[in-house]
Protein backbone atom coordinates (compact mmCIF):
# COMPACT_ATOMS: atom_id res chain seq x y z
CA UNK A 1 -0.10 -15.02 -5.69
CA UNK A 2 2.23 -17.10 -4.07
CA UNK A 3 1.82 -19.80 -1.51
CA UNK A 4 4.44 -17.99 1.11
CA UNK A 5 5.61 -20.63 3.31
CA UNK A 6 5.34 -24.38 4.42
CA UNK A 7 4.69 -27.73 1.83
CA UNK A 8 3.72 -25.92 -0.92
CA UNK A 9 5.66 -22.91 -0.30
CA UNK A 10 6.45 -20.80 -3.74
CA UNK A 11 2.72 -22.49 -5.62
CA UNK A 12 1.66 -20.08 -7.68
CA UNK A 13 -2.19 -19.49 -7.30
CA UNK A 14 -4.55 -17.91 -9.86
CA UNK A 15 -7.20 -15.26 -8.75
CA UNK A 16 -10.58 -14.87 -10.20
CA UNK A 17 -10.87 -11.55 -12.63
CA UNK A 18 -13.28 -8.94 -11.52
CA UNK A 19 -15.01 -7.10 -8.41
CA UNK A 20 -16.32 -10.02 -6.49
CA UNK A 21 -13.68 -11.30 -5.06
CA UNK A 22 -10.69 -8.98 -3.37
CA UNK A 23 -7.54 -11.22 -3.07
CA UNK A 24 -5.45 -10.65 0.00
CA UNK A 25 -2.15 -8.82 -1.06
CA UNK A 26 1.23 -10.54 -0.61
CA UNK A 27 2.00 -8.29 1.97
CA UNK A 28 -1.24 -8.37 4.28
CA UNK A 29 -1.38 -11.96 3.84
CA UNK A 30 2.27 -12.27 5.06
CA UNK A 31 1.64 -10.05 7.89
CA UNK A 32 -1.78 -12.14 9.00
CA UNK A 33 -0.05 -15.15 8.97
CA UNK A 34 3.28 -14.17 11.17
CA UNK A 35 0.36 -12.46 13.19
CA UNK A 36 -1.65 -15.90 13.38
CA UNK A 37 1.49 -17.83 14.15
CA UNK A 38 2.03 -16.21 17.26
CA UNK A 39 -0.94 -17.49 18.74
CA UNK A 40 -1.74 -20.72 16.53
CA UNK A 41 -0.40 -24.46 16.23
CA UNK A 42 -1.72 -25.41 12.44
CA UNK A 43 -0.92 -28.87 12.58
CA UNK A 44 -4.04 -31.56 13.20
CA UNK A 45 -6.22 -28.56 12.88
CA UNK A 46 -9.58 -27.70 11.11
CA UNK A 47 -10.07 -24.76 9.24
CA UNK A 48 -12.93 -23.04 7.46
CA UNK A 49 -13.30 -19.88 4.93
CA UNK A 50 -16.65 -19.04 4.08
CA UNK A 51 -15.45 -16.75 1.51
CA UNK A 52 -12.99 -18.61 -0.66
CA UNK A 53 -12.10 -16.53 -3.19
CA UNK A 54 -9.53 -18.27 -4.75
CA UNK A 55 -8.57 -20.24 -1.96
CA UNK A 56 -5.19 -18.66 -1.21
CA UNK A 57 -5.50 -18.57 2.86
CA UNK A 58 -6.90 -22.14 3.21
CA UNK A 59 -3.97 -23.36 0.79
CA UNK A 60 -1.90 -21.25 3.07
CA UNK A 61 -3.13 -23.06 6.03
CA UNK A 62 -3.36 -26.39 4.70
CA UNK A 63 0.86 -25.86 3.64
CA UNK A 64 1.72 -24.86 7.33
CA UNK A 65 -0.30 -27.76 8.45
CA UNK A 66 -3.62 -27.30 8.80
CA UNK A 67 -5.22 -31.25 8.72
CA UNK A 68 -8.62 -30.36 6.82
CA UNK A 69 -10.09 -27.53 5.73
CA UNK A 70 -13.68 -26.74 4.57
CA UNK A 71 -13.60 -23.97 2.15
CA UNK A 72 -17.06 -22.39 1.03
CA UNK A 73 -17.45 -19.69 -1.64
CA UNK A 74 -21.11 -18.57 -2.91
CA UNK A 75 -19.86 -17.10 -6.24
CA UNK A 76 -19.55 -20.41 -8.63
CA UNK A 77 -16.44 -18.77 -11.16
CA UNK A 78 -14.64 -17.90 -7.88
CA UNK A 79 -15.32 -21.60 -6.59
CA UNK A 80 -13.94 -22.77 -10.21
CA UNK A 81 -10.82 -21.05 -9.24
CA UNK A 82 -10.66 -22.74 -6.21
CA UNK A 83 -10.89 -26.17 -7.86
CA UNK A 84 -7.85 -25.07 -9.71
CA UNK A 85 -5.84 -24.04 -7.06
CA UNK A 86 -6.67 -27.31 -5.01
CA UNK A 87 -6.09 -29.26 -7.94
CA UNK A 88 -2.84 -31.49 -6.91
CA UNK A 89 -3.63 -30.91 -3.09
CA UNK A 90 -5.51 -34.36 -2.22
CA UNK A 91 -9.33 -33.92 -2.04
CA UNK A 92 -9.39 -35.88 1.12
CA UNK A 93 -7.41 -32.77 2.51
CA UNK A 94 -11.32 -30.30 2.10
CA UNK A 95 -14.51 -30.11 1.36
CA UNK A 96 -15.96 -27.65 -1.24
CA UNK A 97 -19.28 -25.80 -0.71
CA UNK A 98 -21.16 -23.43 -2.89
CA UNK A 99 -23.40 -22.03 -0.49
CA UNK A 100 -24.42 -19.27 1.77
CA UNK A 101 -22.39 -18.30 4.61
CA UNK A 102 -24.96 -19.06 7.32
CA UNK A 103 -25.84 -21.98 5.19
CA UNK A 104 -22.56 -23.69 5.96
CA UNK A 105 -22.31 -22.24 9.40
CA UNK A 106 -26.42 -24.00 10.22
CA UNK A 107 -24.62 -27.47 8.49
CA UNK A 108 -21.77 -27.44 10.78
CA UNK A 109 -23.62 -27.23 14.26
CA UNK A 110 -26.34 -28.94 13.12
CA UNK A 111 -23.63 -31.80 12.14
CA UNK A 112 -21.77 -30.33 15.38
CA UNK A 113 -18.51 -30.20 13.59
CA UNK A 114 -15.92 -27.74 14.93
CA UNK A 115 -13.26 -26.31 13.64
CA UNK A 116 -10.08 -24.43 15.25
CA UNK A 117 -9.54 -21.71 12.79
CA UNK A 118 -12.03 -19.65 10.44
CA UNK A 119 -11.21 -16.86 7.82
CA UNK A 120 -13.64 -14.25 7.92
CA UNK A 121 -12.99 -12.16 4.49
CA UNK A 122 -15.80 -11.34 3.00
CA UNK A 123 -15.79 -9.77 -0.72
CA UNK A 124 -18.69 -6.94 0.60
CA UNK A 125 -18.47 -3.72 2.53
CA UNK A 126 -21.53 -4.51 4.56
CA UNK A 127 -20.31 -4.96 8.24
CA UNK A 128 -23.40 -5.83 9.86
CA UNK A 129 -22.74 -9.29 8.07
CA UNK A 130 -20.03 -9.44 10.34
CA UNK A 131 -21.77 -9.15 13.35
CA UNK A 132 -24.14 -11.88 12.02
CA UNK A 133 -21.46 -14.32 12.07
CA UNK A 134 -19.70 -13.53 15.24
CA UNK A 135 -23.49 -14.11 16.22
CA UNK A 136 -23.91 -17.81 14.42
CA UNK A 137 -20.43 -19.00 15.64
CA UNK A 138 -21.79 -18.42 19.13
CA UNK A 139 -25.26 -19.95 18.79
CA UNK A 140 -23.93 -22.71 16.82
CA UNK A 141 -21.14 -23.64 18.66
CA UNK A 142 -18.57 -24.15 15.40
CA UNK A 143 -15.46 -22.78 16.87
CA UNK A 144 -13.43 -25.33 19.04
CA UNK A 145 -12.26 -23.88 22.69
CA UNK A 146 -8.87 -21.95 21.96
CA UNK A 147 -10.40 -21.67 18.50
CA UNK A 148 -9.22 -18.66 16.82
CA UNK A 149 -10.85 -16.11 14.08
CA UNK A 150 -8.13 -14.17 11.27
CA UNK A 151 -10.74 -11.17 9.98
CA UNK A 152 -10.24 -8.80 7.96
CA UNK A 153 -13.06 -5.70 7.79
CA UNK A 154 -13.41 -3.00 5.86
CA UNK A 155 -13.68 -0.80 8.67
CA UNK A 156 -13.35 -1.14 12.50
CA UNK A 157 -15.31 -3.44 14.81
CA UNK A 158 -17.69 -2.90 17.23
CA UNK A 159 -15.70 -4.79 19.94
CA UNK A 160 -18.85 -4.36 22.18
CA UNK A 161 -21.21 -6.65 19.50
CA UNK A 162 -18.68 -9.64 19.62
CA UNK A 163 -19.22 -11.61 22.66
CA UNK A 164 -17.27 -14.22 23.90
CA UNK A 165 -14.15 -13.99 21.98
CA UNK A 166 -10.82 -12.56 22.99
CA UNK A 167 -9.10 -9.92 21.41
CA UNK A 168 -5.69 -11.02 20.92
CA UNK A 169 -4.42 -8.78 18.10
CA UNK A 170 -5.36 -5.61 15.90
CA UNK A 171 -3.92 -4.05 13.36
CA UNK A 172 -4.55 -1.41 10.72
CA UNK A 173 -3.75 -2.28 7.18
CA UNK A 174 -4.82 1.08 6.05
CA UNK A 175 -7.80 0.68 4.40
CA UNK A 176 -8.61 -3.02 5.81
CA UNK A 177 -8.40 -3.90 9.51
CA UNK A 178 -7.48 -6.79 10.74
CA UNK A 179 -8.98 -8.76 13.88
CA UNK A 180 -6.97 -12.05 15.50
CA UNK A 181 -9.88 -13.58 17.94
CA UNK A 182 -10.01 -16.42 20.41
CA UNK A 183 -12.97 -18.58 22.05
CA UNK A 184 -10.61 -18.84 25.46
CA UNK A 185 -12.00 -21.65 27.82
CA UNK A 186 -14.77 -20.45 30.33
């Protein structure tokens, strides 16, 4: 697994073995970031990865110009892998959490922090957590105006349950569904 583009291009990343994380394949990750690049400018933006796994998505974003990344994973062994992958990146560029995703969202809401890009790729198949996430994002006012959410889901999402976000792009990757949502100005 490597960083695809930007200042860390070609950097080798490690992944946690086992079923607790599901690293995004190189092909899917490249497609995701190519699509994202059509709708999003990375420079001086803030990102959030709630289910970091190896940290590959956040590191790819930092490589492409993200100014600061919030990186979270509840699974402690995954967080150790994230830390190893971040070892040569300045600690001023990111903050790591080892919390449940709801606690991270509560923290960002309570501290009035907003992000421009959210990676939502949980390692579990329960689709109801996706809707809980979208509801909480809306309630906590975490996503900045024109901010985007890059979502990978194991099955198609019911778009009627996702309020206040505009679907920019959908792509079916056989066993994964990719969505790019944006919070539009009212």
